[in-house]
Amino acid sequence: MANRFSFLLLAGLMFLCTAVLGQDTATRVIDGATQQQNTETGPVNEFFRSNSKIYVAVGLLVIIFICLVLYLVRLDRRLTRLEKE
């Protein structure tokens, strides 16, 4: 039970870090002055946003992440069961 709690805590913290650090704009320091860099422009981002493909890409990443988590939980259960035997 403690392993599952620590795993879920770690996964939650990783998600929180991704949500906090994944921002739309980036700041660069050049010659002591900060410049705001707009990351929403560009041909790739415009393509994804114009065709609503960004939601498909994010959805696929979420599905892959959920599948990996479920696989690891299932593997942990099997290993725990084998250790008990």
N, C-alpha and C. Protein backbone atom coordinates (compact mmCIF):
# COMPACT_ATOMS: atom_id res chain seq x y z
N MET A 1 0.82 -1.19 0.00
CA MET A 1 0.00 0.00 0.00
C MET A 1 0.87 1.26 0.00
N ALA A 2 1.98 1.20 0.72
CA ALA A 2 2.87 2.36 0.79
C ALA A 2 3.53 2.61 -0.57
N ASN A 3 3.84 1.52 -1.30
CA ASN A 3 4.44 1.68 -2.61
C ASN A 3 3.49 2.38 -3.57
N ARG A 4 2.23 2.02 -3.52
CA ARG A 4 1.25 2.64 -4.41
C ARG A 4 1.06 4.11 -4.07
N PHE A 5 1.02 4.41 -2.77
CA PHE A 5 0.85 5.80 -2.36
C PHE A 5 2.04 6.63 -2.80
N SER A 6 3.25 6.12 -2.63
CA SER A 6 4.43 6.88 -3.03
C SER A 6 4.49 7.03 -4.55
N PHE A 7 4.07 5.99 -5.27
CA PHE A 7 4.04 6.08 -6.73
C PHE A 7 3.04 7.13 -7.19
N LEU A 8 1.85 7.12 -6.61
CA LEU A 8 0.84 8.10 -6.97
C LEU A 8 1.27 9.51 -6.59
N LEU A 9 1.95 9.64 -5.47
CA LEU A 9 2.45 10.94 -5.06
C LEU A 9 3.50 11.44 -6.05
N LEU A 10 4.40 10.56 -6.44
CA LEU A 10 5.43 10.93 -7.42
C LEU A 10 4.80 11.31 -8.76
N ALA A 11 3.84 10.53 -9.22
CA ALA A 11 3.18 10.83 -10.49
C ALA A 11 2.44 12.16 -10.41
N GLY A 12 1.79 12.42 -9.28
CA GLY A 12 1.09 13.69 -9.11
C GLY A 12 2.03 14.87 -9.10
N LEU A 13 3.17 14.72 -8.44
CA LEU A 13 4.16 15.80 -8.42
C LEU A 13 4.75 16.04 -9.80
N MET A 14 4.98 14.98 -10.55
CA MET A 14 5.49 15.14 -11.91
C MET A 14 4.48 15.87 -12.78
N PHE A 15 3.21 15.52 -12.64
CA PHE A 15 2.17 16.20 -13.41
C PHE A 15 2.07 17.65 -13.01
N LEU A 16 2.18 17.93 -11.71
CA LEU A 16 2.11 19.30 -11.22
C LEU A 16 3.28 20.12 -11.77
N CYS A 17 4.47 19.54 -11.78
CA CYS A 17 5.63 20.25 -12.33
C CYS A 17 5.45 20.53 -13.82
N THR A 18 4.89 19.59 -14.53
CA THR A 18 4.64 19.78 -15.95
C THR A 18 3.62 20.88 -16.17
N ALA A 19 2.57 20.89 -15.36
CA ALA A 19 1.53 21.91 -15.51
C ALA A 19 2.05 23.29 -15.14
N VAL A 20 2.91 23.37 -14.15
CA VAL A 20 3.42 24.67 -13.72
C VAL A 20 4.46 25.19 -14.70
N LEU A 21 5.33 24.33 -15.17
CA LEU A 21 6.42 24.77 -16.03
C LEU A 21 6.03 24.84 -17.50
N GLY A 22 4.95 24.22 -17.90
CA GLY A 22 4.51 24.24 -19.29
C GLY A 22 3.71 25.49 -19.58
N GLN A 23 4.38 26.57 -19.89
CA GLN A 23 3.70 27.84 -20.10
C GLN A 23 3.73 28.20 -21.57
N ASP A 24 2.89 29.15 -21.95
CA ASP A 24 2.79 29.55 -23.35
C ASP A 24 3.95 30.43 -23.80
N THR A 25 4.54 31.15 -22.89
CA THR A 25 5.60 32.06 -23.28
C THR A 25 6.87 31.70 -22.52
N ALA A 26 7.99 32.03 -23.11
CA ALA A 26 9.28 31.77 -22.48
C ALA A 26 10.02 33.09 -22.33
N THR A 27 10.80 33.20 -21.29
CA THR A 27 11.56 34.42 -21.05
C THR A 27 13.04 34.14 -21.25
N ARG A 28 13.70 34.97 -22.02
CA ARG A 28 15.13 34.85 -22.24
C ARG A 28 15.82 36.07 -21.68
N VAL A 29 17.03 35.87 -21.17
CA VAL A 29 17.83 36.98 -20.68
C VAL A 29 18.96 37.21 -21.67
N ILE A 30 18.96 38.40 -22.27
CA ILE A 30 20.00 38.75 -23.24
C ILE A 30 20.57 40.09 -22.81
N ASP A 31 21.87 40.11 -22.55
CA ASP A 31 22.57 41.32 -22.14
C ASP A 31 21.93 41.97 -20.92
N GLY A 32 21.50 41.18 -19.97
CA GLY A 32 20.93 41.70 -18.73
C GLY A 32 19.48 42.13 -18.85
N ALA A 33 18.91 42.12 -20.04
CA ALA A 33 17.50 42.51 -20.21
C ALA A 33 16.69 41.26 -20.55
N THR A 34 15.52 41.17 -19.98
CA THR A 34 14.66 40.03 -20.26
C THR A 34 13.80 40.34 -21.47
N GLN A 35 13.69 39.35 -22.33
CA GLN A 35 12.85 39.47 -23.51
C GLN A 35 11.81 38.36 -23.49
N GLN A 36 10.61 38.71 -23.84
CA GLN A 36 9.53 37.74 -23.87
C GLN A 36 9.50 37.09 -25.25
N GLN A 37 9.56 35.78 -25.28
CA GLN A 37 9.54 35.05 -26.54
C GLN A 37 8.17 34.39 -26.67
N ASN A 38 7.51 34.67 -27.75
CA ASN A 38 6.19 34.10 -27.97
C ASN A 38 6.35 32.74 -28.64
N THR A 39 5.89 31.70 -27.96
CA THR A 39 6.03 30.35 -28.51
C THR A 39 4.75 29.88 -29.19
N GLU A 40 3.74 30.74 -29.25
CA GLU A 40 2.50 30.35 -29.90
C GLU A 40 2.55 30.54 -31.41
N THR A 41 3.53 31.29 -31.89
CA THR A 41 3.65 31.47 -33.33
C THR A 41 4.65 30.46 -33.87
N GLY A 42 4.57 30.25 -35.12
CA GLY A 42 5.44 29.28 -35.77
C GLY A 42 4.60 28.37 -36.64
N PRO A 43 5.19 27.83 -37.67
CA PRO A 43 4.40 27.04 -38.60
C PRO A 43 3.83 25.76 -37.99
N VAL A 44 4.57 25.11 -37.11
CA VAL A 44 4.09 23.87 -36.52
C VAL A 44 2.91 24.14 -35.59
N ASN A 45 3.07 25.12 -34.71
CA ASN A 45 1.98 25.44 -33.79
C ASN A 45 0.76 25.98 -34.51
N GLU A 46 0.96 26.78 -35.53
CA GLU A 46 -0.18 27.28 -36.30
C GLU A 46 -0.91 26.15 -36.99
N PHE A 47 -0.16 25.17 -37.52
CA PHE A 47 -0.80 24.02 -38.16
C PHE A 47 -1.63 23.23 -37.16
N PHE A 48 -1.05 22.93 -36.00
CA PHE A 48 -1.77 22.15 -35.00
C PHE A 48 -3.00 22.89 -34.52
N ARG A 49 -2.88 24.18 -34.28
CA ARG A 49 -4.02 24.94 -33.76
C ARG A 49 -5.08 25.18 -34.81
N SER A 50 -4.68 25.37 -36.06
CA SER A 50 -5.67 25.65 -37.11
C SER A 50 -6.54 24.43 -37.40
N ASN A 51 -5.98 23.27 -37.31
CA ASN A 51 -6.74 22.04 -37.60
C ASN A 51 -7.20 21.34 -36.34
N SER A 52 -7.03 21.96 -35.18
CA SER A 52 -7.39 21.37 -33.89
C SER A 52 -6.66 20.05 -33.65
N LYS A 53 -5.51 19.90 -34.24
CA LYS A 53 -4.73 18.68 -34.05
C LYS A 53 -4.00 18.68 -32.72
N ILE A 54 -3.86 19.84 -32.09
CA ILE A 54 -3.16 19.91 -30.81
C ILE A 54 -3.90 19.08 -29.77
N TYR A 55 -5.22 19.05 -29.84
CA TYR A 55 -6.01 18.27 -28.89
C TYR A 55 -5.82 16.77 -29.14
N VAL A 56 -5.65 16.40 -30.39
CA VAL A 56 -5.39 14.99 -30.72
C VAL A 56 -4.03 14.58 -30.17
N ALA A 57 -3.04 15.42 -30.36
CA ALA A 57 -1.69 15.10 -29.87
C ALA A 57 -1.67 15.01 -28.34
N VAL A 58 -2.31 15.96 -27.68
CA VAL A 58 -2.36 15.93 -26.21
C VAL A 58 -3.15 14.71 -25.74
N GLY A 59 -4.23 14.40 -26.41
CA GLY A 59 -5.02 13.22 -26.05
C GLY A 59 -4.22 11.94 -26.18
N LEU A 60 -3.46 11.81 -27.25
CA LEU A 60 -2.63 10.62 -27.42
C LEU A 60 -1.57 10.52 -26.33
N LEU A 61 -0.96 11.64 -25.99
CA LEU A 61 0.04 11.62 -24.91
C LEU A 61 -0.59 11.21 -23.58
N VAL A 62 -1.78 11.69 -23.30
CA VAL A 62 -2.47 11.31 -22.06
C VAL A 62 -2.80 9.84 -22.07
N ILE A 63 -3.27 9.33 -23.19
CA ILE A 63 -3.60 7.90 -23.28
C ILE A 63 -2.35 7.05 -23.08
N ILE A 64 -1.24 7.43 -23.71
CA ILE A 64 0.01 6.68 -23.55
C ILE A 64 0.46 6.70 -22.10
N PHE A 65 0.39 7.87 -21.45
CA PHE A 65 0.80 7.97 -20.06
C PHE A 65 -0.08 7.11 -19.16
N ILE A 66 -1.39 7.12 -19.38
CA ILE A 66 -2.30 6.30 -18.57
C ILE A 66 -2.00 4.82 -18.78
N CYS A 67 -1.74 4.42 -20.02
CA CYS A 67 -1.42 3.01 -20.28
C CYS A 67 -0.13 2.60 -19.58
N LEU A 68 0.87 3.46 -19.59
CA LEU A 68 2.12 3.14 -18.89
C LEU A 68 1.89 3.01 -17.38
N VAL A 69 1.10 3.89 -16.82
CA VAL A 69 0.82 3.83 -15.38
C VAL A 69 0.07 2.54 -15.05
N LEU A 70 -0.94 2.21 -15.85
CA LEU A 70 -1.69 0.98 -15.59
C LEU A 70 -0.81 -0.25 -15.73
N TYR A 71 0.09 -0.25 -16.71
CA TYR A 71 1.01 -1.36 -16.88
C TYR A 71 1.92 -1.51 -15.67
N LEU A 72 2.44 -0.40 -15.17
CA LEU A 72 3.33 -0.47 -14.00
C LEU A 72 2.58 -0.92 -12.75
N VAL A 73 1.35 -0.48 -12.58
CA VAL A 73 0.56 -0.93 -11.43
C VAL A 73 0.30 -2.42 -11.52
N ARG A 74 -0.05 -2.89 -12.71
CA ARG A 74 -0.30 -4.32 -12.90
C ARG A 74 0.97 -5.14 -12.66
N LEU A 75 2.09 -4.64 -13.14
CA LEU A 75 3.37 -5.32 -12.94
C LEU A 75 3.73 -5.36 -11.46
N ASP A 76 3.47 -4.27 -10.76
CA ASP A 76 3.74 -4.22 -9.32
C ASP A 76 2.89 -5.24 -8.57
N ARG A 77 1.63 -5.37 -8.94
CA ARG A 77 0.76 -6.36 -8.30
C ARG A 77 1.27 -7.77 -8.53
N ARG A 78 1.69 -8.07 -9.75
CA ARG A 78 2.19 -9.41 -10.05
C ARG A 78 3.47 -9.70 -9.27
N LEU A 79 4.37 -8.72 -9.21
CA LEU A 79 5.61 -8.94 -8.47
C LEU A 79 5.34 -9.11 -6.98
N THR A 80 4.42 -8.36 -6.45
CA THR A 80 4.06 -8.51 -5.03
C THR A 80 3.49 -9.89 -4.76
N ARG A 81 2.64 -10.36 -5.66
CA ARG A 81 2.06 -11.68 -5.51
C ARG A 81 3.15 -12.76 -5.59
N LEU A 82 4.11 -12.60 -6.49
CA LEU A 82 5.20 -13.59 -6.62
C LEU A 82 6.11 -13.55 -5.40
N GLU A 83 6.32 -12.37 -4.82
CA GLU A 83 7.16 -12.28 -3.64
C GLU A 83 6.51 -12.96 -2.44
N LYS A 84 5.20 -12.90 -2.36
CA LYS A 84 4.49 -13.54 -1.24
C LYS A 84 4.53 -15.06 -1.34
N GLU A 85 4.60 -15.59 -2.56
CA GLU A 85 4.60 -17.05 -2.75
C GLU A 85 5.93 -17.66 -2.48
